[in-house]
């Protein structure tokens, strides 16, 4: 392969793995999932455009925040494949995920704060249960721990008579 040729603008899967800090198998996985794409040489070797490094960085950041790969793929599908994502692309992507992340943080905070209390399933007999779920009223809402969902927690907050 000539350094002055078209392929000089492309990276091998090993180079992408080394530069991104991921295993080659992870690069292959992302490609199979449609998150990144490559071309093939005459010898059937994968070659990735250099912009794939920025796409991989976006994927890694999104995954660290807990965004599912399907959602990441959906968001990336709106970007052109023929160039690296820009700052404006990142702002667009991150704003899509910000509200969801804020909601998950709020839900996890409430869950953390209630770990020592009744979880609202109706099966525990601790002092807080009669206040959170008197007479197992939550059983009519369906099976499982009904107070683990943010909306359910807010709908079933005990009234102190001040509202």
C-alpha atoms as a PDB file:
ATOM      1  CA  UNK A   1       0.000   0.000   0.000  1.00  0.00           C
ATOM      2  CA  UNK A   2       1.437   3.330  -1.019  1.00  0.00           C
ATOM      3  CA  UNK A   3       1.543   6.141   1.528  1.00  0.00           C
ATOM      4  CA  UNK A   4       0.696   8.643  -1.229  1.00  0.00           C
ATOM      5  CA  UNK A   5      -2.366   6.692  -2.374  1.00  0.00           C
ATOM      6  CA  UNK A   6      -5.999   6.973  -1.380  1.00  0.00           C
ATOM      7  CA  UNK A   7      -5.598   4.346   1.349  1.00  0.00           C
ATOM      8  CA  UNK A   8      -3.194   6.629   3.207  1.00  0.00           C
ATOM      9  CA  UNK A   9      -6.284   8.526   4.393  1.00  0.00           C
ATOM     10  CA  UNK A  10      -7.615   5.330   5.925  1.00  0.00           C
ATOM     11  CA  UNK A  11      -6.724   3.339   9.026  1.00  0.00           C
ATOM     12  CA  UNK A  12      -6.504  -0.413   9.472  1.00  0.00           C
ATOM     13  CA  UNK A  13      -8.655  -2.027  12.135  1.00  0.00           C
ATOM     14  CA  UNK A  14      -5.527  -2.446  14.280  1.00  0.00           C
ATOM     15  CA  UNK A  15      -4.705   1.250  13.978  1.00  0.00           C
ATOM     16  CA  UNK A  16      -8.266   2.206  14.924  1.00  0.00           C
ATOM     17  CA  UNK A  17      -8.117  -0.121  17.911  1.00  0.00           C
ATOM     18  CA  UNK A  18      -4.764   1.245  19.057  1.00  0.00           C
ATOM     19  CA  UNK A  19      -5.737   4.907  18.616  1.00  0.00           C
ATOM     20  CA  UNK A  20      -9.158   4.462  20.281  1.00  0.00           C
ATOM     21  CA  UNK A  21      -8.010   2.227  23.124  1.00  0.00           C
ATOM     22  CA  UNK A  22     -10.480  -0.496  22.161  1.00  0.00           C
ATOM     23  CA  UNK A  23      -9.947  -4.121  21.256  1.00  0.00           C
ATOM     24  CA  UNK A  24     -10.072  -5.085  17.586  1.00  0.00           C
ATOM     25  CA  UNK A  25     -13.102  -7.230  18.440  1.00  0.00           C
ATOM     26  CA  UNK A  26     -14.913  -4.116  19.734  1.00  0.00           C
ATOM     27  CA  UNK A  27     -14.215  -2.311  16.449  1.00  0.00           C
ATOM     28  CA  UNK A  28     -15.607  -5.309  14.543  1.00  0.00           C
ATOM     29  CA  UNK A  29     -18.641  -5.358  16.878  1.00  0.00           C
ATOM     30  CA  UNK A  30     -19.365  -1.660  16.287  1.00  0.00           C
ATOM     31  CA  UNK A  31     -19.112  -2.258  12.552  1.00  0.00           C
ATOM     32  CA  UNK A  32     -21.493  -5.238  12.694  1.00  0.00           C
ATOM     33  CA  UNK A  33     -23.958  -3.063  14.640  1.00  0.00           C
ATOM     34  CA  UNK A  34     -23.756  -0.374  11.951  1.00  0.00           C
ATOM     35  CA  UNK A  35     -22.233   2.232  14.262  1.00  0.00           C
ATOM     36  CA  UNK A  36     -19.132   2.616  12.080  1.00  0.00           C
ATOM     37  CA  UNK A  37     -18.288   1.534   8.558  1.00  0.00           C
ATOM     38  CA  UNK A  38     -15.228   0.582   6.560  1.00  0.00           C
ATOM     39  CA  UNK A  39     -14.197  -0.081   3.008  1.00  0.00           C
ATOM     40  CA  UNK A  40     -12.380  -3.201   1.832  1.00  0.00           C
ATOM     41  CA  UNK A  41      -9.072  -3.337   0.034  1.00  0.00           C
ATOM     42  CA  UNK A  42      -8.420  -5.615  -2.926  1.00  0.00           C
ATOM     43  CA  UNK A  43      -7.019  -8.035  -0.333  1.00  0.00           C
ATOM     44  CA  UNK A  44     -10.328  -7.844   1.613  1.00  0.00           C
ATOM     45  CA  UNK A  45      -8.793  -5.935   4.535  1.00  0.00           C
ATOM     46  CA  UNK A  46     -10.895  -3.388   6.383  1.00  0.00           C
ATOM     47  CA  UNK A  47      -9.920   0.259   6.084  1.00  0.00           C
ATOM     48  CA  UNK A  48     -11.632   2.968   8.119  1.00  0.00           C
ATOM     49  CA  UNK A  49     -11.740   6.675   7.342  1.00  0.00           C
ATOM     50  CA  UNK A  50      -9.853   8.705   9.948  1.00  0.00           C
ATOM     51  CA  UNK A  51     -13.131  10.290  11.079  1.00  0.00           C
ATOM     52  CA  UNK A  52     -14.108   6.937  12.570  1.00  0.00           C
ATOM     53  CA  UNK A  53     -11.957   7.822  15.581  1.00  0.00           C
ATOM     54  CA  UNK A  54     -14.318  10.657  16.467  1.00  0.00           C
ATOM     55  CA  UNK A  55     -17.353   8.404  15.963  1.00  0.00           C
ATOM     56  CA  UNK A  56     -15.791   5.800  18.252  1.00  0.00           C
ATOM     57  CA  UNK A  57     -15.102   8.502  20.857  1.00  0.00           C
ATOM     58  CA  UNK A  58     -18.768   9.548  20.726  1.00  0.00           C
ATOM     59  CA  UNK A  59     -19.859   5.920  21.103  1.00  0.00           C
ATOM     60  CA  UNK A  60     -17.585   5.443  24.126  1.00  0.00           C
ATOM     61  CA  UNK A  61     -18.813   8.623  25.860  1.00  0.00           C
ATOM     62  CA  UNK A  62     -22.444   7.739  25.187  1.00  0.00           C
ATOM     63  CA  UNK A  63     -21.957   4.213  26.515  1.00  0.00           C
ATOM     64  CA  UNK A  64     -20.298   5.537  29.681  1.00  0.00           C
ATOM     65  CA  UNK A  65     -23.435   7.574  30.366  1.00  0.00           C
ATOM     66  CA  UNK A  66     -25.565   4.434  29.999  1.00  0.00           C
ATOM     67  CA  UNK A  67     -27.094   5.141  26.612  1.00  0.00           C
ATOM     68  CA  UNK A  68     -28.023   1.862  24.885  1.00  0.00           C
ATOM     69  CA  UNK A  69     -26.177   0.995  21.668  1.00  0.00           C
ATOM     70  CA  UNK A  70     -29.433   0.969  19.710  1.00  0.00           C
ATOM     71  CA  UNK A  71     -30.089   4.573  20.716  1.00  0.00           C
ATOM     72  CA  UNK A  72     -26.489   5.535  19.920  1.00  0.00           C
ATOM     73  CA  UNK A  73     -26.839   3.920  16.507  1.00  0.00           C
ATOM     74  CA  UNK A  74     -30.109   5.722  15.882  1.00  0.00           C
ATOM     75  CA  UNK A  75     -28.498   9.055  16.714  1.00  0.00           C
ATOM     76  CA  UNK A  76     -25.391   8.364  14.611  1.00  0.00           C
ATOM     77  CA  UNK A  77     -27.515   7.326  11.639  1.00  0.00           C
ATOM     78  CA  UNK A  78     -28.510  10.963  11.241  1.00  0.00           C
ATOM     79  CA  UNK A  79     -24.900  11.973  10.611  1.00  0.00           C
ATOM     80  CA  UNK A  80     -23.152  11.762   7.247  1.00  0.00           C
ATOM     81  CA  UNK A  81     -20.805   8.780   6.913  1.00  0.00           C
ATOM     82  CA  UNK A  82     -18.391  10.614   4.645  1.00  0.00           C
ATOM     83  CA  UNK A  83     -16.925  12.928   7.308  1.00  0.00           C
ATOM     84  CA  UNK A  84     -15.952  13.064  10.962  1.00  0.00           C
ATOM     85  CA  UNK A  85     -18.655  14.339  13.308  1.00  0.00           C
ATOM     86  CA  UNK A  86     -18.263  18.065  13.971  1.00  0.00           C
ATOM     87  CA  UNK A  87     -18.661  20.092  17.152  1.00  0.00           C
ATOM     88  CA  UNK A  88     -22.155  20.991  15.986  1.00  0.00           C
ATOM     89  CA  UNK A  89     -22.936  17.300  15.459  1.00  0.00           C
ATOM     90  CA  UNK A  90     -21.790  16.556  19.008  1.00  0.00           C
ATOM     91  CA  UNK A  91     -23.920  19.391  20.415  1.00  0.00           C
ATOM     92  CA  UNK A  92     -26.934  17.990  18.587  1.00  0.00           C
ATOM     93  CA  UNK A  93     -26.292  14.440  19.785  1.00  0.00           C
ATOM     94  CA  UNK A  94     -25.538  15.381  23.370  1.00  0.00           C
ATOM     95  CA  UNK A  95     -28.630  17.568  23.664  1.00  0.00           C
ATOM     96  CA  UNK A  96     -30.740  14.596  22.530  1.00  0.00           C
ATOM     97  CA  UNK A  97     -29.335  12.541  25.384  1.00  0.00           C
ATOM     98  CA  UNK A  98     -29.199  15.214  28.097  1.00  0.00           C
ATOM     99  CA  UNK A  99     -32.891  15.110  29.102  1.00  0.00           C
ATOM    100  CA  UNK A 100     -32.874  11.322  29.263  1.00  0.00           C
ATOM    101  CA  UNK A 101     -29.702  11.373  31.346  1.00  0.00           C
ATOM    102  CA  UNK A 102     -31.168  13.974  33.730  1.00  0.00           C
ATOM    103  CA  UNK A 103     -34.272  11.820  34.159  1.00  0.00           C
ATOM    104  CA  UNK A 104     -32.203   8.705  34.863  1.00  0.00           C
ATOM    105  CA  UNK A 105     -30.065  10.612  37.385  1.00  0.00           C
ATOM    106  CA  UNK A 106     -33.210  11.799  39.171  1.00  0.00           C
ATOM    107  CA  UNK A 107     -34.654   8.286  39.228  1.00  0.00           C
ATOM    108  CA  UNK A 108     -31.394   6.766  40.482  1.00  0.00           C
ATOM    109  CA  UNK A 109     -31.088   9.437  43.177  1.00  0.00           C
ATOM    110  CA  UNK A 110     -34.602   8.688  44.412  1.00  0.00           C
ATOM    111  CA  UNK A 111     -33.893   4.970  44.328  1.00  0.00           C
ATOM    112  CA  UNK A 112     -30.650   5.457  46.263  1.00  0.00           C
ATOM    113  CA  UNK A 113     -32.409   7.614  48.842  1.00  0.00           C
ATOM    114  CA  UNK A 114     -35.126   4.981  49.357  1.00  0.00           C
ATOM    115  CA  UNK A 115     -32.915   1.903  49.565  1.00  0.00           C
ATOM    116  CA  UNK A 116     -33.414   1.673  53.340  1.00  0.00           C
ATOM    117  CA  UNK A 117     -37.172   2.104  53.094  1.00  0.00           C
ATOM    118  CA  UNK A 118     -40.019  -0.046  51.881  1.00  0.00           C
ATOM    119  CA  UNK A 119     -39.791  -0.513  48.128  1.00  0.00           C
ATOM    120  CA  UNK A 120     -43.561  -0.511  47.777  1.00  0.00           C
ATOM    121  CA  UNK A 121     -44.009  -4.109  46.769  1.00  0.00           C
ATOM    122  CA  UNK A 122     -46.401  -4.944  49.606  1.00  0.00           C
ATOM    123  CA  UNK A 123     -44.320  -7.858  50.831  1.00  0.00           C
ATOM    124  CA  UNK A 124     -42.241  -6.093  53.460  1.00  0.00           C
ATOM    125  CA  UNK A 125     -43.500  -5.409  56.954  1.00  0.00           C
ATOM    126  CA  UNK A 126     -41.347  -2.573  58.173  1.00  0.00           C
ATOM    127  CA  UNK A 127     -42.620   0.565  59.862  1.00  0.00           C
ATOM    128  CA  UNK A 128     -42.513   2.625  56.682  1.00  0.00           C
ATOM    129  CA  UNK A 129     -44.696   0.260  54.638  1.00  0.00           C
ATOM    130  CA  UNK A 130     -48.014   1.293  56.201  1.00  0.00           C
ATOM    131  CA  UNK A 131     -47.176   4.878  55.280  1.00  0.00           C
ATOM    132  CA  UNK A 132     -45.967   4.143  51.752  1.00  0.00           C
ATOM    133  CA  UNK A 133     -48.415   1.388  50.868  1.00  0.00           C
ATOM    134  CA  UNK A 134     -51.253   1.128  53.394  1.00  0.00           C
ATOM    135  CA  UNK A 135     -53.425  -1.968  52.988  1.00  0.00           C
ATOM    136  CA  UNK A 136     -51.278  -2.933  49.986  1.00  0.00           C
ATOM    137  CA  UNK A 137     -53.087  -0.378  47.795  1.00  0.00           C
ATOM    138  CA  UNK A 138     -50.311  -0.557  45.220  1.00  0.00           C
ATOM    139  CA  UNK A 139     -51.278  -4.130  44.377  1.00  0.00           C
ATOM    140  CA  UNK A 140     -54.076  -2.701  42.231  1.00  0.00           C
ATOM    141  CA  UNK A 141     -51.433  -0.948  40.082  1.00  0.00           C
ATOM    142  CA  UNK A 142     -49.924  -4.257  39.025  1.00  0.00           C
ATOM    143  CA  UNK A 143     -47.210  -6.680  40.079  1.00  0.00           C
ATOM    144  CA  UNK A 144     -43.718  -5.852  41.261  1.00  0.00           C
ATOM    145  CA  UNK A 145     -42.119  -3.021  43.143  1.00  0.00           C
ATOM    146  CA  UNK A 146     -44.466  -0.225  42.105  1.00  0.00           C
ATOM    147  CA  UNK A 147     -42.554   2.570  43.824  1.00  0.00           C
ATOM    148  CA  UNK A 148     -39.346   2.079  41.884  1.00  0.00           C
ATOM    149  CA  UNK A 149     -40.571   4.154  38.944  1.00  0.00           C
ATOM    150  CA  UNK A 150     -40.180   7.911  39.306  1.00  0.00           C
ATOM    151  CA  UNK A 151     -43.765   8.677  38.247  1.00  0.00           C
ATOM    152  CA  UNK A 152     -45.140   6.058  40.637  1.00  0.00           C
ATOM    153  CA  UNK A 153     -43.135   7.488  43.528  1.00  0.00           C
ATOM    154  CA  UNK A 154     -44.458  10.974  42.909  1.00  0.00           C
ATOM    155  CA  UNK A 155     -48.047   9.746  42.449  1.00  0.00           C
ATOM    156  CA  UNK A 156     -47.960   7.809  45.750  1.00  0.00           C
ATOM    157  CA  UNK A 157     -46.172  10.273  48.017  1.00  0.00           C
ATOM    158  CA  UNK A 158     -47.933  10.361  51.370  1.00  0.00           C
ATOM    159  CA  UNK A 159     -49.844  13.571  51.922  1.00  0.00           C
ATOM    160  CA  UNK A 160     -48.910  15.593  54.984  1.00  0.00           C
ATOM    161  CA  UNK A 161     -52.068  17.661  54.691  1.00  0.00           C
ATOM    162  CA  UNK A 162     -50.253  20.828  53.642  1.00  0.00           C
ATOM    163  CA  UNK A 163     -51.040  20.713  49.938  1.00  0.00           C
END
